Amino acid sequence: MNLKQLKKEISKIKIRWEDKDRVREKLLVLGRKVIRLSGKAIKFIHNGNLTKAGELIEEAKSLNLAARKLSREYSDLYYNYTKNAQKELVEAVALISILTDRNIPTRDELKVECTAYANGLGEVIGELRRYVLNCLNEGQSEKAQQIFDLMQEIFNILTTLNVFPSKINGGFRRTIDVARNLIVKTKEYF
């Protein structure tokens, strides 16, 4: 390849990288929106407004799908720039699902990556703990016990994934350690 051809080849790379950077910028915005919507949904769930929480979750799901479609050509960007958003979405969806119909959607149904799904489910244990403590404060010990039992079951299922190194599981070991501590602390209330 001569220098003229090399210059042409480098120009193609520049165009490709400029496009990839535009996608990255859009993914950052979408990811932040999904995180905010999921966080707000969790607050509404704890306040008992499941209708508003559901609306926010649906909007977050829609934005996650938009991010997935936007980054179709750059799958590395989708995961790298939306993994926290995906995790927060899973956490919000799992929380509302557990508290309503106990039917947690699959990873494929939510259109999220494996590590985001596992970490989101691990983090929902903290939100369930908060719910259990609220139930106990309101004198609903039977309901608190049911949710606590679910926390433990989810934790036990998730610990089967705890055998993989962090390069594979995206920090899941830390998520499980935090969940374990939350379960131990919550058990003290019973």
C-alpha atoms as a PDB file:
ATOM      1  CA  MET A   1       0.000   0.000   0.000  1.00  0.00           C
ATOM      2  CA  ASN A   2       1.406   3.386  -0.952  1.00  0.00           C
ATOM      3  CA  LEU A   3       1.011   6.564   1.104  1.00  0.00           C
ATOM      4  CA  LYS A   4      -1.955   7.777  -0.933  1.00  0.00           C
ATOM      5  CA  GLN A   5      -3.791   4.505  -0.285  1.00  0.00           C
ATOM      6  CA  LEU A   6      -2.806   4.621   3.366  1.00  0.00           C
ATOM      7  CA  LYS A   7      -4.206   8.138   3.683  1.00  0.00           C
ATOM      8  CA  LYS A   8      -7.479   6.964   2.127  1.00  0.00           C
ATOM      9  CA  GLU A   9      -7.611   3.984   4.497  1.00  0.00           C
ATOM     10  CA  ILE A  10      -6.991   6.195   7.529  1.00  0.00           C
ATOM     11  CA  SER A  11      -9.754   8.565   6.341  1.00  0.00           C
ATOM     12  CA  LYS A  12     -12.182   5.608   6.363  1.00  0.00           C
ATOM     13  CA  ILE A  13     -11.148   4.759   9.919  1.00  0.00           C
ATOM     14  CA  LYS A  14     -11.627   8.375  10.980  1.00  0.00           C
ATOM     15  CA  ILE A  15     -15.161   8.397   9.563  1.00  0.00           C
ATOM     16  CA  ARG A  16     -15.939   5.118  11.318  1.00  0.00           C
ATOM     17  CA  TRP A  17     -14.583   6.355  14.641  1.00  0.00           C
ATOM     18  CA  GLU A  18     -16.465   9.647  14.345  1.00  0.00           C
ATOM     19  CA  ASP A  19     -19.667   7.675  13.873  1.00  0.00           C
ATOM     20  CA  LYS A  20     -18.813   5.410  16.800  1.00  0.00           C
ATOM     21  CA  ASP A  21     -18.151   8.448  18.980  1.00  0.00           C
ATOM     22  CA  ARG A  22     -21.547   9.936  18.055  1.00  0.00           C
ATOM     23  CA  VAL A  23     -23.191   6.648  19.054  1.00  0.00           C
ATOM     24  CA  ARG A  24     -21.216   6.632  22.316  1.00  0.00           C
ATOM     25  CA  GLU A  25     -22.407  10.137  23.191  1.00  0.00           C
ATOM     26  CA  LYS A  26     -26.019   9.173  22.552  1.00  0.00           C
ATOM     27  CA  LEU A  27     -25.615   6.003  24.626  1.00  0.00           C
ATOM     28  CA  LEU A  28     -24.296   8.018  27.552  1.00  0.00           C
ATOM     29  CA  VAL A  29     -27.424  10.177  27.494  1.00  0.00           C
ATOM     30  CA  LEU A  30     -29.758   7.204  27.149  1.00  0.00           C
ATOM     31  CA  GLY A  31     -27.951   5.324  29.918  1.00  0.00           C
ATOM     32  CA  ARG A  32     -28.268   8.237  32.327  1.00  0.00           C
ATOM     33  CA  LYS A  33     -31.979   8.513  31.558  1.00  0.00           C
ATOM     34  CA  VAL A  34     -32.521   4.796  32.207  1.00  0.00           C
ATOM     35  CA  ILE A  35     -30.669   5.086  35.528  1.00  0.00           C
ATOM     36  CA  ARG A  36     -32.752   8.092  36.606  1.00  0.00           C
ATOM     37  CA  LEU A  37     -36.039   6.503  35.570  1.00  0.00           C
ATOM     38  CA  SER A  38     -35.190   3.225  37.301  1.00  0.00           C
ATOM     39  CA  GLY A  39     -34.185   5.037  40.486  1.00  0.00           C
ATOM     40  CA  LYS A  40     -37.394   7.052  40.487  1.00  0.00           C
ATOM     41  CA  ALA A  41     -39.399   3.872  39.867  1.00  0.00           C
ATOM     42  CA  ILE A  42     -37.812   2.227  42.899  1.00  0.00           C
ATOM     43  CA  LYS A  43     -38.769   5.235  45.033  1.00  0.00           C
ATOM     44  CA  PHE A  44     -42.356   5.039  43.796  1.00  0.00           C
ATOM     45  CA  ILE A  45     -42.432   1.304  44.525  1.00  0.00           C
ATOM     46  CA  HIS A  46     -41.360   1.913  48.124  1.00  0.00           C
ATOM     47  CA  ASN A  47     -43.968   4.665  48.420  1.00  0.00           C
ATOM     48  CA  GLY A  48     -46.666   2.278  47.194  1.00  0.00           C
ATOM     49  CA  ASN A  49     -47.318   3.977  43.856  1.00  0.00           C
ATOM     50  CA  LEU A  50     -46.896   0.926  41.635  1.00  0.00           C
ATOM     51  CA  THR A  51     -48.763   2.520  38.734  1.00  0.00           C
ATOM     52  CA  LYS A  52     -46.307   5.413  38.431  1.00  0.00           C
ATOM     53  CA  ALA A  53     -43.396   3.022  39.001  1.00  0.00           C
ATOM     54  CA  GLY A  54     -44.653   0.797  36.200  1.00  0.00           C
ATOM     55  CA  GLU A  55     -44.907   3.764  33.825  1.00  0.00           C
ATOM     56  CA  LEU A  56     -41.325   4.800  34.588  1.00  0.00           C
ATOM     57  CA  ILE A  57     -40.091   1.236  34.151  1.00  0.00           C
ATOM     58  CA  GLU A  58     -41.786   0.966  30.758  1.00  0.00           C
ATOM     59  CA  GLU A  59     -40.132   4.211  29.675  1.00  0.00           C
ATOM     60  CA  ALA A  60     -36.752   2.918  30.907  1.00  0.00           C
ATOM     61  CA  LYS A  61     -37.265  -0.353  29.011  1.00  0.00           C
ATOM     62  CA  SER A  62     -38.064   1.598  25.863  1.00  0.00           C
ATOM     63  CA  LEU A  63     -34.901   3.690  26.217  1.00  0.00           C
ATOM     64  CA  ASN A  64     -32.842   0.547  26.818  1.00  0.00           C
ATOM     65  CA  LEU A  65     -34.200  -0.928  23.584  1.00  0.00           C
ATOM     66  CA  ALA A  66     -33.393   2.310  21.784  1.00  0.00           C
ATOM     67  CA  ALA A  67     -29.824   2.108  23.100  1.00  0.00           C
ATOM     68  CA  ARG A  68     -29.547  -1.490  21.975  1.00  0.00           C
ATOM     69  CA  LYS A  69     -30.759  -0.621  18.468  1.00  0.00           C
ATOM     70  CA  LEU A  70     -28.557   2.467  18.271  1.00  0.00           C
ATOM     71  CA  SER A  71     -25.464   0.468  19.106  1.00  0.00           C
ATOM     72  CA  ARG A  72     -26.272  -2.529  16.921  1.00  0.00           C
ATOM     73  CA  GLU A  73     -23.161  -1.896  14.860  1.00  0.00           C
ATOM     74  CA  TYR A  74     -21.019  -1.270  17.944  1.00  0.00           C
ATOM     75  CA  SER A  75     -22.013  -3.929  20.460  1.00  0.00           C
ATOM     76  CA  ASP A  76     -18.980  -3.173  22.637  1.00  0.00           C
ATOM     77  CA  LEU A  77     -20.371   0.304  23.194  1.00  0.00           C
ATOM     78  CA  TYR A  78     -23.781  -0.994  24.222  1.00  0.00           C
ATOM     79  CA  TYR A  79     -22.389  -2.989  27.087  1.00  0.00           C
ATOM     80  CA  ASN A  80     -19.620  -0.615  28.131  1.00  0.00           C
ATOM     81  CA  TYR A  81     -21.776   2.505  28.162  1.00  0.00           C
ATOM     82  CA  THR A  82     -25.080   1.089  29.374  1.00  0.00           C
ATOM     83  CA  LYS A  83     -24.109  -1.686  31.827  1.00  0.00           C
ATOM     84  CA  ASN A  84     -25.017   0.389  34.900  1.00  0.00           C
ATOM     85  CA  ALA A  85     -28.262   1.464  33.275  1.00  0.00           C
ATOM     86  CA  GLN A  86     -29.116  -2.133  32.439  1.00  0.00           C
ATOM     87  CA  LYS A  87     -28.338  -3.192  36.016  1.00  0.00           C
ATOM     88  CA  GLU A  88     -30.576  -0.452  37.467  1.00  0.00           C
ATOM     89  CA  LEU A  89     -33.357  -1.402  35.077  1.00  0.00           C
ATOM     90  CA  VAL A  90     -33.141  -5.044  36.161  1.00  0.00           C
ATOM     91  CA  GLU A  91     -33.205  -3.986  39.807  1.00  0.00           C
ATOM     92  CA  ALA A  92     -36.361  -1.876  39.337  1.00  0.00           C
ATOM     93  CA  VAL A  93     -38.136  -4.507  37.234  1.00  0.00           C
ATOM     94  CA  ALA A  94     -37.198  -7.307  39.641  1.00  0.00           C
ATOM     95  CA  LEU A  95     -38.413  -5.306  42.636  1.00  0.00           C
ATOM     96  CA  ILE A  96     -41.817  -4.493  41.193  1.00  0.00           C
ATOM     97  CA  SER A  97     -42.151  -8.042  39.849  1.00  0.00           C
ATOM     98  CA  ILE A  98     -41.319  -9.643  43.191  1.00  0.00           C
ATOM     99  CA  LEU A  99     -43.722  -7.397  45.070  1.00  0.00           C
ATOM    100  CA  THR A 100     -46.596  -7.861  42.646  1.00  0.00           C
ATOM    101  CA  ASP A 101     -46.693 -11.166  40.805  1.00  0.00           C
ATOM    102  CA  ARG A 102     -43.337 -12.730  41.772  1.00  0.00           C
ATOM    103  CA  ASN A 103     -42.662 -13.361  38.090  1.00  0.00           C
ATOM    104  CA  ILE A 104     -39.239 -11.864  37.331  1.00  0.00           C
ATOM    105  CA  PRO A 105     -38.722 -11.368  33.588  1.00  0.00           C
ATOM    106  CA  THR A 106     -35.862 -13.191  31.926  1.00  0.00           C
ATOM    107  CA  ARG A 107     -32.731 -11.512  30.674  1.00  0.00           C
ATOM    108  CA  ASP A 108     -33.926 -11.998  27.102  1.00  0.00           C
ATOM    109  CA  GLU A 109     -37.280 -10.409  27.885  1.00  0.00           C
ATOM    110  CA  LEU A 110     -35.514  -7.360  29.324  1.00  0.00           C
ATOM    111  CA  LYS A 111     -32.921  -7.276  26.518  1.00  0.00           C
ATOM    112  CA  VAL A 112     -29.969  -6.880  28.894  1.00  0.00           C
ATOM    113  CA  GLU A 113     -26.538  -8.462  29.133  1.00  0.00           C
ATOM    114  CA  CYS A 114     -25.767 -11.368  31.486  1.00  0.00           C
ATOM    115  CA  THR A 115     -23.639  -9.454  33.963  1.00  0.00           C
ATOM    116  CA  ALA A 116     -26.131  -6.598  34.215  1.00  0.00           C
ATOM    117  CA  TYR A 117     -28.926  -9.081  34.835  1.00  0.00           C
ATOM    118  CA  ALA A 118     -27.070 -11.012  37.539  1.00  0.00           C
ATOM    119  CA  ASN A 119     -25.804  -7.862  39.261  1.00  0.00           C
ATOM    120  CA  GLY A 120     -29.240  -6.224  39.097  1.00  0.00           C
ATOM    121  CA  LEU A 121     -30.811  -9.264  40.744  1.00  0.00           C
ATOM    122  CA  GLY A 122     -28.091  -9.209  43.375  1.00  0.00           C
ATOM    123  CA  GLU A 123     -28.737  -5.561  44.103  1.00  0.00           C
ATOM    124  CA  VAL A 124     -32.493  -6.022  44.388  1.00  0.00           C
ATOM    125  CA  ILE A 125     -31.764  -7.829  47.650  1.00  0.00           C
ATOM    126  CA  GLY A 126     -30.934  -4.437  49.176  1.00  0.00           C
ATOM    127  CA  GLU A 127     -34.244  -2.997  48.016  1.00  0.00           C
ATOM    128  CA  LEU A 128     -36.075  -6.034  49.353  1.00  0.00           C
ATOM    129  CA  ARG A 129     -34.350  -5.524  52.699  1.00  0.00           C
ATOM    130  CA  ARG A 130     -35.650  -1.969  52.763  1.00  0.00           C
ATOM    131  CA  TYR A 131     -39.128  -3.273  51.988  1.00  0.00           C
ATOM    132  CA  VAL A 132     -38.874  -5.905  54.753  1.00  0.00           C
ATOM    133  CA  LEU A 133     -37.841  -3.279  57.304  1.00  0.00           C
ATOM    134  CA  ASN A 134     -40.738  -1.049  56.242  1.00  0.00           C
ATOM    135  CA  CYS A 135     -43.134  -3.977  56.669  1.00  0.00           C
ATOM    136  CA  LEU A 136     -41.760  -4.702  60.118  1.00  0.00           C
ATOM    137  CA  ASN A 137     -42.121  -1.032  61.098  1.00  0.00           C
ATOM    138  CA  GLU A 138     -45.752  -1.174  59.992  1.00  0.00           C
ATOM    139  CA  GLY A 139     -46.405  -4.349  61.991  1.00  0.00           C
ATOM    140  CA  GLN A 140     -46.700  -6.587  58.906  1.00  0.00           C
ATOM    141  CA  SER A 141     -44.427  -9.351  60.191  1.00  0.00           C
ATOM    142  CA  GLU A 142     -45.946 -12.113  58.054  1.00  0.00           C
ATOM    143  CA  LYS A 143     -45.465 -10.137  54.846  1.00  0.00           C
ATOM    144  CA  ALA A 144     -41.935  -9.208  55.965  1.00  0.00           C
ATOM    145  CA  GLN A 145     -41.132 -12.874  56.538  1.00  0.00           C
ATOM    146  CA  GLN A 146     -42.418 -13.830  53.067  1.00  0.00           C
ATOM    147  CA  ILE A 147     -40.270 -11.208  51.369  1.00  0.00           C
ATOM    148  CA  PHE A 148     -37.272 -12.124  53.504  1.00  0.00           C
ATOM    149  CA  ASP A 149     -37.685 -15.767  52.477  1.00  0.00           C
ATOM    150  CA  LEU A 150     -37.726 -14.665  48.833  1.00  0.00           C
ATOM    151  CA  MET A 151     -34.560 -12.631  49.425  1.00  0.00           C
ATOM    152  CA  GLN A 152     -32.836 -15.735  50.696  1.00  0.00           C
ATOM    153  CA  GLU A 153     -34.082 -17.886  47.806  1.00  0.00           C
ATOM    154  CA  ILE A 154     -32.888 -15.351  45.227  1.00  0.00           C
ATOM    155  CA  PHE A 155     -29.543 -15.120  47.008  1.00  0.00           C
ATOM    156  CA  ASN A 156     -29.156 -18.909  47.063  1.00  0.00           C
ATOM    157  CA  ILE A 157     -29.874 -19.134  43.348  1.00  0.00           C
ATOM    158  CA  LEU A 158     -27.454 -16.309  42.545  1.00  0.00           C
ATOM    159  CA  THR A 159     -24.620 -17.826  44.580  1.00  0.00           C
ATOM    160  CA  THR A 160     -24.397 -20.614  41.989  1.00  0.00           C
ATOM    161  CA  LEU A 161     -22.855 -17.961  39.705  1.00  0.00           C
ATOM    162  CA  ASN A 162     -20.238 -16.986  42.240  1.00  0.00           C
ATOM    163  CA  VAL A 163     -17.661 -19.421  40.851  1.00  0.00           C
ATOM    164  CA  PHE A 164     -16.576 -17.294  37.911  1.00  0.00           C
ATOM    165  CA  PRO A 165     -13.723 -14.774  37.921  1.00  0.00           C
ATOM    166  CA  SER A 166     -14.528 -11.056  37.932  1.00  0.00           C
ATOM    167  CA  LYS A 167     -13.383 -10.623  34.318  1.00  0.00           C
ATOM    168  CA  ILE A 168     -16.277 -12.905  33.377  1.00  0.00           C
ATOM    169  CA  ASN A 169     -18.946 -11.845  35.882  1.00  0.00           C
ATOM    170  CA  GLY A 170     -18.374  -8.081  35.968  1.00  0.00           C
ATOM    171  CA  GLY A 171     -17.912  -7.642  39.713  1.00  0.00           C
ATOM    172  CA  PHE A 172     -20.648 -10.058  40.687  1.00  0.00           C
ATOM    173  CA  ARG A 173     -18.639 -11.444  43.601  1.00  0.00           C
ATOM    174  CA  ARG A 174     -18.803  -8.068  45.353  1.00  0.00           C
ATOM    175  CA  THR A 175     -22.538  -7.834  44.686  1.00  0.00           C
ATOM    176  CA  ILE A 176     -23.033 -11.255  46.280  1.00  0.00           C
ATOM    177  CA  ASP A 177     -20.886 -10.319  49.279  1.00  0.00           C
ATOM    178  CA  VAL A 178     -22.993  -7.201  49.871  1.00  0.00           C
ATOM    179  CA  ALA A 179     -26.211  -9.213  49.471  1.00  0.00           C
ATOM    180  CA  ARG A 180     -24.963 -11.809  51.970  1.00  0.00           C
ATOM    181  CA  ASN A 181     -24.239  -9.086  54.534  1.00  0.00           C
ATOM    182  CA  LEU A 182     -27.671  -7.542  54.005  1.00  0.00           C
ATOM    183  CA  ILE A 183     -29.372 -10.885  54.556  1.00  0.00           C
ATOM    184  CA  VAL A 184     -27.405 -11.499  57.762  1.00  0.00           C
ATOM    185  CA  LYS A 185     -28.277  -8.010  59.054  1.00  0.00           C
ATOM    186  CA  THR A 186     -31.934  -8.430  58.126  1.00  0.00           C
ATOM    187  CA  LYS A 187     -32.156 -11.829  59.808  1.00  0.00           C
ATOM    188  CA  GLU A 188     -31.414 -10.084  63.125  1.00  0.00           C
ATOM    189  CA  TYR A 189     -34.864  -8.471  62.978  1.00  0.00           C
ATOM    190  CA  PHE A 190     -36.672 -11.817  63.077  1.00  0.00           C
END
